[in-house]
Amino acid sequence: MVNGKTFRLALDKFFKSPVCQDARVQIELPNKELYDVVGMDLLENNILGDNQTHRLVLRCQKPIWKMGKIIGKL
């Protein structure tokens, strides 16, 4: 599980580059399928613990157009 602090650190690093600011955002499923992120919601939970009062939910869909093959990981 990724918490909000870790997610924020990754996003901060990502957005340091102007090229990354316009990058396509996708989610990779366990079967290696890639989906486009199309929305996100901040939701409130029933209080289960101090750190479980809210969640960020990313909505995704199958890509409308395919991207080229991945050539490397930065």
PDB file of N, CA and C in Angstrom:
ATOM      1  N   MET A   1       0.844  -1.180   0.000  1.00  0.00           N
ATOM      2  CA  MET A   1       0.000   0.000   0.000  1.00  0.00           C
ATOM      3  C   MET A   1       0.886   1.239   0.000  1.00  0.00           C
ATOM      4  N   VAL A   2       0.503   2.230  -0.764  1.00  0.00           N
ATOM      5  CA  VAL A   2       1.210   3.506  -0.806  1.00  0.00           C
ATOM      6  C   VAL A   2       0.386   4.526  -0.030  1.00  0.00           C
ATOM      7  N   ASN A   3       1.029   5.212   0.923  1.00  0.00           N
ATOM      8  CA  ASN A   3       0.294   6.232   1.673  1.00  0.00           C
ATOM      9  C   ASN A   3       0.440   7.589   0.989  1.00  0.00           C
ATOM     10  N   GLY A   4      -0.284   8.574   1.470  1.00  0.00           N
ATOM     11  CA  GLY A   4      -0.292   9.900   0.860  1.00  0.00           C
ATOM     12  C   GLY A   4       1.074  10.566   0.835  1.00  0.00           C
ATOM     13  N   LYS A   5       1.867  10.404   1.913  1.00  0.00           N
ATOM     14  CA  LYS A   5       3.196  11.021   1.970  1.00  0.00           C
ATOM     15  C   LYS A   5       4.113  10.464   0.887  1.00  0.00           C
ATOM     16  N   THR A   6       4.119   9.152   0.722  1.00  0.00           N
ATOM     17  CA  THR A   6       4.963   8.516  -0.290  1.00  0.00           C
ATOM     18  C   THR A   6       4.508   8.916  -1.688  1.00  0.00           C
ATOM     19  N   PHE A   7       3.195   8.956  -1.882  1.00  0.00           N
ATOM     20  CA  PHE A   7       2.626   9.351  -3.174  1.00  0.00           C
ATOM     21  C   PHE A   7       3.047  10.782  -3.509  1.00  0.00           C
ATOM     22  N   ARG A   8       2.978  11.667  -2.525  1.00  0.00           N
ATOM     23  CA  ARG A   8       3.365  13.081  -2.715  1.00  0.00           C
ATOM     24  C   ARG A   8       4.834  13.204  -3.078  1.00  0.00           C
ATOM     25  N   LEU A   9       5.718  12.466  -2.399  1.00  0.00           N
ATOM     26  CA  LEU A   9       7.148  12.516  -2.706  1.00  0.00           C
ATOM     27  C   LEU A   9       7.416  12.098  -4.152  1.00  0.00           C
ATOM     28  N   ALA A  10       6.747  11.040  -4.594  1.00  0.00           N
ATOM     29  CA  ALA A  10       6.928  10.574  -5.974  1.00  0.00           C
ATOM     30  C   ALA A  10       6.421  11.625  -6.957  1.00  0.00           C
ATOM     31  N   LEU A  11       5.267  12.219  -6.683  1.00  0.00           N
ATOM     32  CA  LEU A  11       4.719  13.241  -7.577  1.00  0.00           C
ATOM     33  C   LEU A  11       5.612  14.479  -7.624  1.00  0.00           C
ATOM     34  N   ASP A  12       6.165  14.879  -6.481  1.00  0.00           N
ATOM     35  CA  ASP A  12       7.062  16.041  -6.456  1.00  0.00           C
ATOM     36  C   ASP A  12       8.277  15.814  -7.348  1.00  0.00           C
ATOM     37  N   LYS A  13       8.855  14.614  -7.286  1.00  0.00           N
ATOM     38  CA  LYS A  13       9.997  14.286  -8.150  1.00  0.00           C
ATOM     39  C   LYS A  13       9.574  14.286  -9.617  1.00  0.00           C
ATOM     40  N   PHE A  14       8.412  13.740  -9.875  1.00  0.00           N
ATOM     41  CA  PHE A  14       7.880  13.643 -11.235  1.00  0.00           C
ATOM     42  C   PHE A  14       7.702  15.025 -11.849  1.00  0.00           C
ATOM     43  N   PHE A  15       7.158  15.969 -11.087  1.00  0.00           N
ATOM     44  CA  PHE A  15       6.814  17.284 -11.622  1.00  0.00           C
ATOM     45  C   PHE A  15       7.983  18.259 -11.689  1.00  0.00           C
ATOM     46  N   LYS A  16       9.182  17.853 -11.273  1.00  0.00           N
ATOM     47  CA  LYS A  16      10.349  18.732 -11.406  1.00  0.00           C
ATOM     48  C   LYS A  16      10.721  18.945 -12.870  1.00  0.00           C
ATOM     49  N   SER A  17      10.404  18.006 -13.711  1.00  0.00           N
ATOM     50  CA  SER A  17      10.727  18.094 -15.140  1.00  0.00           C
ATOM     51  C   SER A  17       9.528  18.625 -15.920  1.00  0.00           C
ATOM     52  N   PRO A  18       9.745  19.659 -16.747  1.00  0.00           N
ATOM     53  CA  PRO A  18       8.646  20.170 -17.578  1.00  0.00           C
ATOM     54  C   PRO A  18       8.072  19.102 -18.518  1.00  0.00           C
ATOM     55  N   VAL A  19       8.914  18.190 -18.979  1.00  0.00           N
ATOM     56  CA  VAL A  19       8.444  17.114 -19.860  1.00  0.00           C
ATOM     57  C   VAL A  19       7.456  16.218 -19.116  1.00  0.00           C
ATOM     58  N   CYS A  20       7.738  15.921 -17.863  1.00  0.00           N
ATOM     59  CA  CYS A  20       6.858  15.051 -17.071  1.00  0.00           C
ATOM     60  C   CYS A  20       5.517  15.708 -16.767  1.00  0.00           C
ATOM     61  N   GLN A  21       5.487  17.015 -16.721  1.00  0.00           N
ATOM     62  CA  GLN A  21       4.240  17.703 -16.404  1.00  0.00           C
ATOM     63  C   GLN A  21       3.169  17.455 -17.463  1.00  0.00           C
ATOM     64  N   ASP A  22       3.574  17.131 -18.677  1.00  0.00           N
ATOM     65  CA  ASP A  22       2.624  16.840 -19.756  1.00  0.00           C
ATOM     66  C   ASP A  22       2.551  15.348 -20.069  1.00  0.00           C
ATOM     67  N   ALA A  23       3.155  14.511 -19.231  1.00  0.00           N
ATOM     68  CA  ALA A  23       3.201  13.069 -19.498  1.00  0.00           C
ATOM     69  C   ALA A  23       1.833  12.424 -19.270  1.00  0.00           C
ATOM     70  N   ARG A  24       1.575  11.377 -20.012  1.00  0.00           N
ATOM     71  CA  ARG A  24       0.353  10.579 -19.859  1.00  0.00           C
ATOM     72  C   ARG A  24       0.454   9.808 -18.536  1.00  0.00           C
ATOM     73  N   VAL A  25      -0.637   9.720 -17.791  1.00  0.00           N
ATOM     74  CA  VAL A  25      -0.650   9.013 -16.512  1.00  0.00           C
ATOM     75  C   VAL A  25      -1.421   7.711 -16.692  1.00  0.00           C
ATOM     76  N   GLN A  26      -0.762   6.587 -16.387  1.00  0.00           N
ATOM     77  CA  GLN A  26      -1.381   5.277 -16.540  1.00  0.00           C
ATOM     78  C   GLN A  26      -1.168   4.446 -15.282  1.00  0.00           C
ATOM     79  N   ILE A  27      -1.968   3.397 -15.156  1.00  0.00           N
ATOM     80  CA  ILE A  27      -1.841   2.418 -14.075  1.00  0.00           C
ATOM     81  C   ILE A  27      -1.557   1.073 -14.714  1.00  0.00           C
ATOM     82  N   GLU A  28      -0.570   0.353 -14.168  1.00  0.00           N
ATOM     83  CA  GLU A  28      -0.265  -0.986 -14.664  1.00  0.00           C
ATOM     84  C   GLU A  28      -0.908  -2.016 -13.738  1.00  0.00           C
ATOM     85  N   LEU A  29      -1.710  -2.894 -14.316  1.00  0.00           N
ATOM     86  CA  LEU A  29      -2.360  -3.955 -13.563  1.00  0.00           C
ATOM     87  C   LEU A  29      -1.398  -5.130 -13.388  1.00  0.00           C
ATOM     88  N   PRO A  30      -1.679  -6.044 -12.463  1.00  0.00           N
ATOM     89  CA  PRO A  30      -0.790  -7.191 -12.253  1.00  0.00           C
ATOM     90  C   PRO A  30      -0.542  -8.022 -13.518  1.00  0.00           C
ATOM     91  N   ASN A  31      -1.486  -8.014 -14.467  1.00  0.00           N
ATOM     92  CA  ASN A  31      -1.305  -8.776 -15.709  1.00  0.00           C
ATOM     93  C   ASN A  31      -0.541  -7.976 -16.774  1.00  0.00           C
ATOM     94  N   LYS A  32       0.074  -6.843 -16.363  1.00  0.00           N
ATOM     95  CA  LYS A  32       0.896  -5.965 -17.219  1.00  0.00           C
ATOM     96  C   LYS A  32       0.084  -5.110 -18.189  1.00  0.00           C
ATOM     97  N   GLU A  33      -1.246  -5.115 -18.080  1.00  0.00           N
ATOM     98  CA  GLU A  33      -2.091  -4.265 -18.905  1.00  0.00           C
ATOM     99  C   GLU A  33      -2.021  -2.830 -18.379  1.00  0.00           C
ATOM    100  N   LEU A  34      -1.942  -1.849 -19.292  1.00  0.00           N
ATOM    101  CA  LEU A  34      -1.892  -0.444 -18.896  1.00  0.00           C
ATOM    102  C   LEU A  34      -3.241   0.221 -19.133  1.00  0.00           C
ATOM    103  N   TYR A  35      -3.692   1.019 -18.167  1.00  0.00           N
ATOM    104  CA  TYR A  35      -4.945   1.758 -18.250  1.00  0.00           C
ATOM    105  C   TYR A  35      -4.663   3.236 -18.032  1.00  0.00           C
ATOM    106  N   ASP A  36      -5.403   4.107 -18.719  1.00  0.00           N
ATOM    107  CA  ASP A  36      -5.282   5.551 -18.540  1.00  0.00           C
ATOM    108  C   ASP A  36      -6.053   5.989 -17.299  1.00  0.00           C
ATOM    109  N   VAL A  37      -5.471   6.889 -16.518  1.00  0.00           N
ATOM    110  CA  VAL A  37      -6.178   7.494 -15.393  1.00  0.00           C
ATOM    111  C   VAL A  37      -7.071   8.586 -15.964  1.00  0.00           C
ATOM    112  N   VAL A  38      -8.366   8.508 -15.676  1.00  0.00           N
ATOM    113  CA  VAL A  38      -9.333   9.466 -16.233  1.00  0.00           C
ATOM    114  C   VAL A  38      -9.981  10.342 -15.166  1.00  0.00           C
ATOM    115  N   GLY A  39      -9.717  10.062 -13.912  1.00  0.00           N
ATOM    116  CA  GLY A  39     -10.281  10.881 -12.856  1.00  0.00           C
ATOM    117  C   GLY A  39      -9.800  10.434 -11.493  1.00  0.00           C
ATOM    118  N   MET A  40     -10.027  11.270 -10.505  1.00  0.00           N
ATOM    119  CA  MET A  40      -9.691  10.902  -9.135  1.00  0.00           C
ATOM    120  C   MET A  40     -10.637  11.604  -8.170  1.00  0.00           C
ATOM    121  N   ASP A  41     -10.890  10.935  -7.073  1.00  0.00           N
ATOM    122  CA  ASP A  41     -11.788  11.459  -6.041  1.00  0.00           C
ATOM    123  C   ASP A  41     -11.149  11.298  -4.676  1.00  0.00           C
ATOM    124  N   LEU A  42     -11.329  12.299  -3.826  1.00  0.00           N
ATOM    125  CA  LEU A  42     -10.943  12.195  -2.423  1.00  0.00           C
ATOM    126  C   LEU A  42     -12.209  11.814  -1.666  1.00  0.00           C
ATOM    127  N   LEU A  43     -12.186  10.654  -1.028  1.00  0.00           N
ATOM    128  CA  LEU A  43     -13.370  10.118  -0.348  1.00  0.00           C
ATOM    129  C   LEU A  43     -13.132  10.020   1.153  1.00  0.00           C
ATOM    130  N   GLU A  44     -14.202  10.162   1.906  1.00  0.00           N
ATOM    131  CA  GLU A  44     -14.128  10.061   3.360  1.00  0.00           C
ATOM    132  C   GLU A  44     -14.660   8.695   3.781  1.00  0.00           C
ATOM    133  N   ASN A  45     -13.934   8.031   4.683  1.00  0.00           N
ATOM    134  CA  ASN A  45     -14.323   6.711   5.194  1.00  0.00           C
ATOM    135  C   ASN A  45     -14.995   6.837   6.544  1.00  0.00           C
ATOM    136  N   ASN A  46     -15.662   5.753   6.959  1.00  0.00           N
ATOM    137  CA  ASN A  46     -15.999   5.622   8.365  1.00  0.00           C
ATOM    138  C   ASN A  46     -14.678   5.565   9.112  1.00  0.00           C
ATOM    139  N   ILE A  47     -14.579   6.168  10.255  1.00  0.00           N
ATOM    140  CA  ILE A  47     -13.302   6.245  10.960  1.00  0.00           C
ATOM    141  C   ILE A  47     -12.927   4.877  11.507  1.00  0.00           C
ATOM    142  N   LEU A  48     -11.833   4.306  10.950  1.00  0.00           N
ATOM    143  CA  LEU A  48     -11.316   3.008  11.390  1.00  0.00           C
ATOM    144  C   LEU A  48     -10.044   3.174  12.197  1.00  0.00           C
ATOM    145  N   GLY A  49      -9.366   4.251  12.006  1.00  0.00           N
ATOM    146  CA  GLY A  49      -8.113   4.535  12.691  1.00  0.00           C
ATOM    147  C   GLY A  49      -7.687   5.942  12.329  1.00  0.00           C
ATOM    148  N   ASP A  50      -6.673   6.428  12.998  1.00  0.00           N
ATOM    149  CA  ASP A  50      -6.225   7.802  12.763  1.00  0.00           C
ATOM    150  C   ASP A  50      -5.813   8.047  11.315  1.00  0.00           C
ATOM    151  N   ASN A  51      -5.220   7.056  10.652  1.00  0.00           N
ATOM    152  CA  ASN A  51      -4.725   7.276   9.297  1.00  0.00           C
ATOM    153  C   ASN A  51      -5.643   6.696   8.224  1.00  0.00           C
ATOM    154  N   GLN A  52      -6.844   6.298   8.562  1.00  0.00           N
ATOM    155  CA  GLN A  52      -7.750   5.697   7.587  1.00  0.00           C
ATOM    156  C   GLN A  52      -9.074   6.449   7.475  1.00  0.00           C
ATOM    157  N   THR A  53      -9.023   7.761   7.599  1.00  0.00           N
ATOM    158  CA  THR A  53     -10.253   8.538   7.535  1.00  0.00           C
ATOM    159  C   THR A  53     -10.604   8.962   6.118  1.00  0.00           C
ATOM    160  N   HIS A  54      -9.618   8.949   5.204  1.00  0.00           N
ATOM    161  CA  HIS A  54      -9.841   9.369   3.822  1.00  0.00           C
ATOM    162  C   HIS A  54      -9.091   8.447   2.871  1.00  0.00           C
ATOM    163  N   ARG A  55      -9.509   8.465   1.624  1.00  0.00           N
ATOM    164  CA  ARG A  55      -8.779   7.716   0.587  1.00  0.00           C
ATOM    165  C   ARG A  55      -8.860   8.472  -0.725  1.00  0.00           C
ATOM    166  N   LEU A  56      -7.814   8.328  -1.524  1.00  0.00           N
ATOM    167  CA  LEU A  56      -7.769   8.895  -2.857  1.00  0.00           C
ATOM    168  C   LEU A  56      -8.005   7.756  -3.830  1.00  0.00           C
ATOM    169  N   VAL A  57      -9.053   7.863  -4.642  1.00  0.00           N
ATOM    170  CA  VAL A  57      -9.408   6.806  -5.586  1.00  0.00           C
ATOM    171  C   VAL A  57      -9.156   7.307  -7.005  1.00  0.00           C
ATOM    172  N   LEU A  58      -8.342   6.560  -7.748  1.00  0.00           N
ATOM    173  CA  LEU A  58      -8.050   6.881  -9.143  1.00  0.00           C
ATOM    174  C   LEU A  58      -8.957   6.042 -10.026  1.00  0.00           C
ATOM    175  N   ARG A  59      -9.686   6.692 -10.943  1.00  0.00           N
ATOM    176  CA  ARG A  59     -10.529   5.978 -11.902  1.00  0.00           C
ATOM    177  C   ARG A  59      -9.744   5.817 -13.194  1.00  0.00           C
ATOM    178  N   CYS A  60      -9.904   4.667 -13.837  1.00  0.00           N
ATOM    179  CA  CYS A  60      -9.151   4.432 -15.069  1.00  0.00           C
ATOM    180  C   CYS A  60     -10.027   3.742 -16.106  1.00  0.00           C
ATOM    181  N   GLN A  61      -9.542   3.763 -17.343  1.00  0.00           N
ATOM    182  CA  GLN A  61     -10.231   3.102 -18.460  1.00  0.00           C
ATOM    183  C   GLN A  61      -9.182   2.590 -19.434  1.00  0.00           C
ATOM    184  N   LYS A  62      -9.595   1.655 -20.276  1.00  0.00           N
ATOM    185  CA  LYS A  62      -8.682   1.146 -21.304  1.00  0.00           C
ATOM    186  C   LYS A  62      -8.283   2.303 -22.210  1.00  0.00           C
ATOM    187  N   PRO A  63      -7.024   2.337 -22.647  1.00  0.00           N
ATOM    188  CA  PRO A  63      -6.569   3.440 -23.506  1.00  0.00           C
ATOM    189  C   PRO A  63      -7.348   3.506 -24.815  1.00  0.00           C
ATOM    190  N   ILE A  64      -7.646   4.721 -25.252  1.00  0.00           N
ATOM    191  CA  ILE A  64      -8.326   4.936 -26.525  1.00  0.00           C
ATOM    192  C   ILE A  64      -7.342   4.719 -27.670  1.00  0.00           C
ATOM    193  N   TRP A  65      -6.112   5.184 -27.491  1.00  0.00           N
ATOM    194  CA  TRP A  65      -5.073   4.930 -28.482  1.00  0.00           C
ATOM    195  C   TRP A  65      -3.848   4.396 -27.768  1.00  0.00           C
ATOM    196  N   LYS A  66      -3.163   3.486 -28.439  1.00  0.00           N
ATOM    197  CA  LYS A  66      -2.006   2.812 -27.847  1.00  0.00           C
ATOM    198  C   LYS A  66      -0.763   3.675 -28.002  1.00  0.00           C
ATOM    199  N   MET A  67       0.090   3.596 -26.997  1.00  0.00           N
ATOM    200  CA  MET A  67       1.387   4.258 -27.058  1.00  0.00           C
ATOM    201  C   MET A  67       2.405   3.269 -27.612  1.00  0.00           C
ATOM    202  N   GLY A  68       3.540   3.793 -27.984  1.00  0.00           N
ATOM    203  CA  GLY A  68       4.620   2.927 -28.467  1.00  0.00           C
ATOM    204  C   GLY A  68       5.180   2.066 -27.337  1.00  0.00           C
ATOM    205  N   LYS A  69       6.074   1.175 -27.698  1.00  0.00           N
ATOM    206  CA  LYS A  69       6.696   0.264 -26.751  1.00  0.00           C
ATOM    207  C   LYS A  69       7.556   1.065 -25.763  1.00  0.00           C
ATOM    208  N   ILE A  70       7.552   0.665 -24.501  1.00  0.00           N
ATOM    209  CA  ILE A  70       8.372   1.298 -23.473  1.00  0.00           C
ATOM    210  C   ILE A  70       9.824   0.946 -23.740  1.00  0.00           C
ATOM    211  N   ILE A  71      10.692   1.961 -23.779  1.00  0.00           N
ATOM    212  CA  ILE A  71      12.106   1.704 -24.087  1.00  0.00           C
ATOM    213  C   ILE A  71      13.008   1.759 -22.860  1.00  0.00           C
ATOM    214  N   GLY A  72      12.503   2.281 -21.756  1.00  0.00           N
ATOM    215  CA  GLY A  72      13.340   2.328 -20.557  1.00  0.00           C
ATOM    216  C   GLY A  72      12.603   2.899 -19.361  1.00  0.00           C
ATOM    217  N   LYS A  73      13.184   2.667 -18.219  1.00  0.00           N
ATOM    218  CA  LYS A  73      12.629   3.169 -16.958  1.00  0.00           C
ATOM    219  C   LYS A  73      13.593   4.220 -16.429  1.00  0.00           C
ATOM    220  N   LEU A  74      13.070   5.389 -16.079  1.00  0.00           N
ATOM    221  CA  LEU A  74      13.922   6.491 -15.598  1.00  0.00           C
ATOM    222  C   LEU A  74      14.020   6.497 -14.101  1.00  0.00           C
TER     223      LEU A  74
END
